[in-house]
Amino acid sequence: MGTTVDLPEGLLRQLKAQAALEGTSLKQLVLTPEFDTLELFSAISRSDVVSNQ
C-alpha cells in the first residue's frame, strides 16, 4: 500500500538532511520505530518549519 503526503519544503529539507546524516533514505527514516510521526504532524500544524517558497 502506498500513501502520498505533501510536506512543506522546509520540513522536507530537514528530513532529507537527517536521513543523510544517518546514512539512510527518507523512506527508511520515516519507517523507523524511533521516528516520531506525531511530532512531524505537530510541526506541520504549528508551521514551525521555515519555507522558502
PDB file of N, CA and C in Angstrom:
ATOM      1  N   MET A   1       0.843  -1.161   0.000  1.00  0.00           N
ATOM      2  CA  MET A   1       0.000   0.000   0.000  1.00  0.00           C
ATOM      3  C   MET A   1       0.892   1.229   0.000  1.00  0.00           C
ATOM      4  N   GLY A   2       0.503   2.248  -0.707  1.00  0.00           N
ATOM      5  CA  GLY A   2       1.268   3.479  -0.760  1.00  0.00           C
ATOM      6  C   GLY A   2       0.420   4.668  -0.354  1.00  0.00           C
ATOM      7  N   THR A   3       1.081   5.689   0.111  1.00  0.00           N
ATOM      8  CA  THR A   3       0.425   6.920   0.522  1.00  0.00           C
ATOM      9  C   THR A   3       1.266   8.091   0.062  1.00  0.00           C
ATOM     10  N   THR A   4       0.616   9.161  -0.315  1.00  0.00           N
ATOM     11  CA  THR A   4       1.306  10.383  -0.692  1.00  0.00           C
ATOM     12  C   THR A   4       1.031  11.429   0.369  1.00  0.00           C
ATOM     13  N   VAL A   5       2.096  12.086   0.821  1.00  0.00           N
ATOM     14  CA  VAL A   5       1.969  13.134   1.826  1.00  0.00           C
ATOM     15  C   VAL A   5       2.672  14.373   1.292  1.00  0.00           C
ATOM     16  N   ASP A   6       1.974  15.487   1.283  1.00  0.00           N
ATOM     17  CA  ASP A   6       2.576  16.756   0.877  1.00  0.00           C
ATOM     18  C   ASP A   6       3.148  17.435   2.104  1.00  0.00           C
ATOM     19  N   LEU A   7       4.463  17.614   2.110  1.00  0.00           N
ATOM     20  CA  LEU A   7       5.155  18.237   3.233  1.00  0.00           C
ATOM     21  C   LEU A   7       5.639  19.624   2.830  1.00  0.00           C
ATOM     22  N   PRO A   8       5.658  20.546   3.764  1.00  0.00           N
ATOM     23  CA  PRO A   8       6.249  21.856   3.466  1.00  0.00           C
ATOM     24  C   PRO A   8       7.711  21.668   3.069  1.00  0.00           C
ATOM     25  N   GLU A   9       8.184  22.493   2.136  1.00  0.00           N
ATOM     26  CA  GLU A   9       9.547  22.355   1.613  1.00  0.00           C
ATOM     27  C   GLU A   9      10.597  22.366   2.713  1.00  0.00           C
ATOM     28  N   GLY A  10      10.457  23.252   3.684  1.00  0.00           N
ATOM     29  CA  GLY A  10      11.441  23.339   4.759  1.00  0.00           C
ATOM     30  C   GLY A  10      11.523  22.058   5.569  1.00  0.00           C
ATOM     31  N   LEU A  11      10.390  21.479   5.853  1.00  0.00           N
ATOM     32  CA  LEU A  11      10.350  20.228   6.609  1.00  0.00           C
ATOM     33  C   LEU A  11      10.949  19.095   5.798  1.00  0.00           C
ATOM     34  N   LEU A  12      10.636  19.059   4.513  1.00  0.00           N
ATOM     35  CA  LEU A  12      11.182  18.021   3.647  1.00  0.00           C
ATOM     36  C   LEU A  12      12.710  18.111   3.606  1.00  0.00           C
ATOM     37  N   ARG A  13      13.239  19.328   3.519  1.00  0.00           N
ATOM     38  CA  ARG A  13      14.700  19.513   3.522  1.00  0.00           C
ATOM     39  C   ARG A  13      15.303  19.015   4.838  1.00  0.00           C
ATOM     40  N   GLN A  14      14.639  19.326   5.954  1.00  0.00           N
ATOM     41  CA  GLN A  14      15.143  18.873   7.255  1.00  0.00           C
ATOM     42  C   GLN A  14      15.155  17.351   7.343  1.00  0.00           C
ATOM     43  N   LEU A  15      14.092  16.729   6.877  1.00  0.00           N
ATOM     44  CA  LEU A  15      14.011  15.269   6.928  1.00  0.00           C
ATOM     45  C   LEU A  15      15.063  14.624   6.028  1.00  0.00           C
ATOM     46  N   LYS A  16      15.265  15.180   4.834  1.00  0.00           N
ATOM     47  CA  LYS A  16      16.279  14.647   3.930  1.00  0.00           C
ATOM     48  C   LYS A  16      17.677  14.791   4.530  1.00  0.00           C
ATOM     49  N   ALA A  17      17.924  15.921   5.174  1.00  0.00           N
ATOM     50  CA  ALA A  17      19.225  16.139   5.813  1.00  0.00           C
ATOM     51  C   ALA A  17      19.435  15.142   6.942  1.00  0.00           C
ATOM     52  N   GLN A  18      18.397  14.913   7.737  1.00  0.00           N
ATOM     53  CA  GLN A  18      18.502  13.950   8.837  1.00  0.00           C
ATOM     54  C   GLN A  18      18.771  12.551   8.299  1.00  0.00           C
ATOM     55  N   ALA A  19      18.081  12.170   7.229  1.00  0.00           N
ATOM     56  CA  ALA A  19      18.304  10.855   6.626  1.00  0.00           C
ATOM     57  C   ALA A  19      19.744  10.734   6.135  1.00  0.00           C
ATOM     58  N   ALA A  20      20.259  11.787   5.506  1.00  0.00           N
ATOM     59  CA  ALA A  20      21.637  11.758   5.010  1.00  0.00           C
ATOM     60  C   ALA A  20      22.630  11.607   6.161  1.00  0.00           C
ATOM     61  N   LEU A  21      22.386  12.333   7.260  1.00  0.00           N
ATOM     62  CA  LEU A  21      23.270  12.224   8.423  1.00  0.00           C
ATOM     63  C   LEU A  21      23.286  10.809   8.988  1.00  0.00           C
ATOM     64  N   GLU A  22      22.148  10.140   8.906  1.00  0.00           N
ATOM     65  CA  GLU A  22      22.029   8.783   9.423  1.00  0.00           C
ATOM     66  C   GLU A  22      22.423   7.727   8.388  1.00  0.00           C
ATOM     67  N   GLY A  23      22.749   8.175   7.171  1.00  0.00           N
ATOM     68  CA  GLY A  23      23.157   7.247   6.127  1.00  0.00           C
ATOM     69  C   GLY A  23      22.031   6.359   5.642  1.00  0.00           C
ATOM     70  N   THR A  24      20.834   6.893   5.594  1.00  0.00           N
ATOM     71  CA  THR A  24      19.669   6.116   5.177  1.00  0.00           C
ATOM     72  C   THR A  24      18.821   6.932   4.211  1.00  0.00           C
ATOM     73  N   SER A  25      17.780   6.333   3.712  1.00  0.00           N
ATOM     74  CA  SER A  25      16.874   7.042   2.811  1.00  0.00           C
ATOM     75  C   SER A  25      15.780   7.729   3.620  1.00  0.00           C
ATOM     76  N   LEU A  26      15.125   8.683   3.006  1.00  0.00           N
ATOM     77  CA  LEU A  26      13.999   9.364   3.648  1.00  0.00           C
ATOM     78  C   LEU A  26      12.912   8.354   4.016  1.00  0.00           C
ATOM     79  N   LYS A  27      12.634   7.437   3.110  1.00  0.00           N
ATOM     80  CA  LYS A  27      11.612   6.412   3.363  1.00  0.00           C
ATOM     81  C   LYS A  27      11.980   5.573   4.587  1.00  0.00           C
ATOM     82  N   GLN A  28      13.228   5.118   4.647  1.00  0.00           N
ATOM     83  CA  GLN A  28      13.651   4.300   5.788  1.00  0.00           C
ATOM     84  C   GLN A  28      13.611   5.100   7.088  1.00  0.00           C
ATOM     85  N   LEU A  29      13.977   6.382   7.017  1.00  0.00           N
ATOM     86  CA  LEU A  29      13.930   7.230   8.200  1.00  0.00           C
ATOM     87  C   LEU A  29      12.518   7.295   8.764  1.00  0.00           C
ATOM     88  N   VAL A  30      11.561   7.514   7.898  1.00  0.00           N
ATOM     89  CA  VAL A  30      10.168   7.656   8.331  1.00  0.00           C
ATOM     90  C   VAL A  30       9.602   6.328   8.827  1.00  0.00           C
ATOM     91  N   LEU A  31      10.124   5.228   8.328  1.00  0.00           N
ATOM     92  CA  LEU A  31       9.607   3.919   8.723  1.00  0.00           C
ATOM     93  C   LEU A  31      10.258   3.349   9.983  1.00  0.00           C
ATOM     94  N   THR A  32      11.270   4.021  10.516  1.00  0.00           N
ATOM     95  CA  THR A  32      11.909   3.503  11.725  1.00  0.00           C
ATOM     96  C   THR A  32      10.992   3.695  12.933  1.00  0.00           C
ATOM     97  N   PRO A  33      11.037   2.766  13.872  1.00  0.00           N
ATOM     98  CA  PRO A  33      10.188   2.885  15.066  1.00  0.00           C
ATOM     99  C   PRO A  33      10.489   4.144  15.880  1.00  0.00           C
ATOM    100  N   GLU A  34      11.705   4.662  15.778  1.00  0.00           N
ATOM    101  CA  GLU A  34      12.076   5.843  16.544  1.00  0.00           C
ATOM    102  C   GLU A  34      11.517   7.133  15.955  1.00  0.00           C
ATOM    103  N   PHE A  35      11.061   7.086  14.711  1.00  0.00           N
ATOM    104  CA  PHE A  35      10.543   8.278  14.052  1.00  0.00           C
ATOM    105  C   PHE A  35       9.250   8.709  14.730  1.00  0.00           C
ATOM    106  N   ASP A  36       9.176   9.974  15.115  1.00  0.00           N
ATOM    107  CA  ASP A  36       8.027  10.492  15.856  1.00  0.00           C
ATOM    108  C   ASP A  36       7.026  11.128  14.897  1.00  0.00           C
ATOM    109  N   THR A  37       6.088  10.325  14.407  1.00  0.00           N
ATOM    110  CA  THR A  37       5.083  10.797  13.455  1.00  0.00           C
ATOM    111  C   THR A  37       4.227  11.895  14.048  1.00  0.00           C
ATOM    112  N   LEU A  38       3.876  11.772  15.307  1.00  0.00           N
ATOM    113  CA  LEU A  38       3.056  12.805  15.945  1.00  0.00           C
ATOM    114  C   LEU A  38       3.784  14.144  15.981  1.00  0.00           C
ATOM    115  N   GLU A  39       5.095  14.121  16.228  1.00  0.00           N
ATOM    116  CA  GLU A  39       5.868  15.358  16.228  1.00  0.00           C
ATOM    117  C   GLU A  39       5.915  15.959  14.824  1.00  0.00           C
ATOM    118  N   LEU A  40       6.008  15.116  13.813  1.00  0.00           N
ATOM    119  CA  LEU A  40       6.003  15.582  12.429  1.00  0.00           C
ATOM    120  C   LEU A  40       4.717  16.337  12.124  1.00  0.00           C
ATOM    121  N   PHE A  41       3.582  15.730  12.428  1.00  0.00           N
ATOM    122  CA  PHE A  41       2.300  16.380  12.142  1.00  0.00           C
ATOM    123  C   PHE A  41       2.094  17.614  13.015  1.00  0.00           C
ATOM    124  N   SER A  42       2.613  17.585  14.216  1.00  0.00           N
ATOM    125  CA  SER A  42       2.536  18.741  15.096  1.00  0.00           C
ATOM    126  C   SER A  42       3.335  19.907  14.510  1.00  0.00           C
ATOM    127  N   ALA A  43       4.517  19.613  13.982  1.00  0.00           N
ATOM    128  CA  ALA A  43       5.345  20.649  13.369  1.00  0.00           C
ATOM    129  C   ALA A  43       4.657  21.246  12.150  1.00  0.00           C
ATOM    130  N   ILE A  44       4.003  20.409  11.369  1.00  0.00           N
ATOM    131  CA  ILE A  44       3.291  20.894  10.190  1.00  0.00           C
ATOM    132  C   ILE A  44       2.159  21.817  10.618  1.00  0.00           C
ATOM    133  N   SER A  45       1.399  21.401  11.612  1.00  0.00           N
ATOM    134  CA  SER A  45       0.244  22.205  12.025  1.00  0.00           C
ATOM    135  C   SER A  45       0.670  23.505  12.705  1.00  0.00           C
ATOM    136  N   ARG A  46       1.827  23.504  13.384  1.00  0.00           N
ATOM    137  CA  ARG A  46       2.325  24.717  14.041  1.00  0.00           C
ATOM    138  C   ARG A  46       3.072  25.609  13.062  1.00  0.00           C
ATOM    139  N   SER A  47       3.369  25.092  11.893  1.00  0.00           N
ATOM    140  CA  SER A  47       4.175  25.809  10.893  1.00  0.00           C
ATOM    141  C   SER A  47       5.518  26.225  11.469  1.00  0.00           C
ATOM    142  N   ASP A  48       6.152  25.298  12.195  1.00  0.00           N
ATOM    143  CA  ASP A  48       7.469  25.541  12.793  1.00  0.00           C
ATOM    144  C   ASP A  48       8.560  25.580  11.735  1.00  0.00           C
ATOM    145  N   VAL A  49       8.261  25.096  10.575  1.00  0.00           N
ATOM    146  CA  VAL A  49       9.283  24.963   9.546  1.00  0.00           C
ATOM    147  C   VAL A  49       9.292  26.196   8.667  1.00  0.00           C
ATOM    148  N   VAL A  50      10.463  26.754   8.455  1.00  0.00           N
ATOM    149  CA  VAL A  50      10.608  27.921   7.605  1.00  0.00           C
ATOM    150  C   VAL A  50      10.585  27.459   6.159  1.00  0.00           C
ATOM    151  N   SER A  51       9.756  28.082   5.373  1.00  0.00           N
ATOM    152  CA  SER A  51       9.637  27.715   3.972  1.00  0.00           C
ATOM    153  C   SER A  51      10.128  28.843   3.093  1.00  0.00           C
ATOM    154  N   ASN A  52      10.865  28.495   2.057  1.00  0.00           N
ATOM    155  CA  ASN A  52      11.368  29.484   1.090  1.00  0.00           C
ATOM    156  C   ASN A  52      10.602  29.397  -0.210  1.00  0.00           C
ATOM    157  N   GLN A  53       9.332  29.326  -0.135  1.00  0.00           N
ATOM    158  CA  GLN A  53       8.518  29.194  -1.359  1.00  0.00           C
ATOM    159  C   GLN A  53       8.169  30.553  -1.902  1.00  0.00           C
TER     160      GLN A  53
END
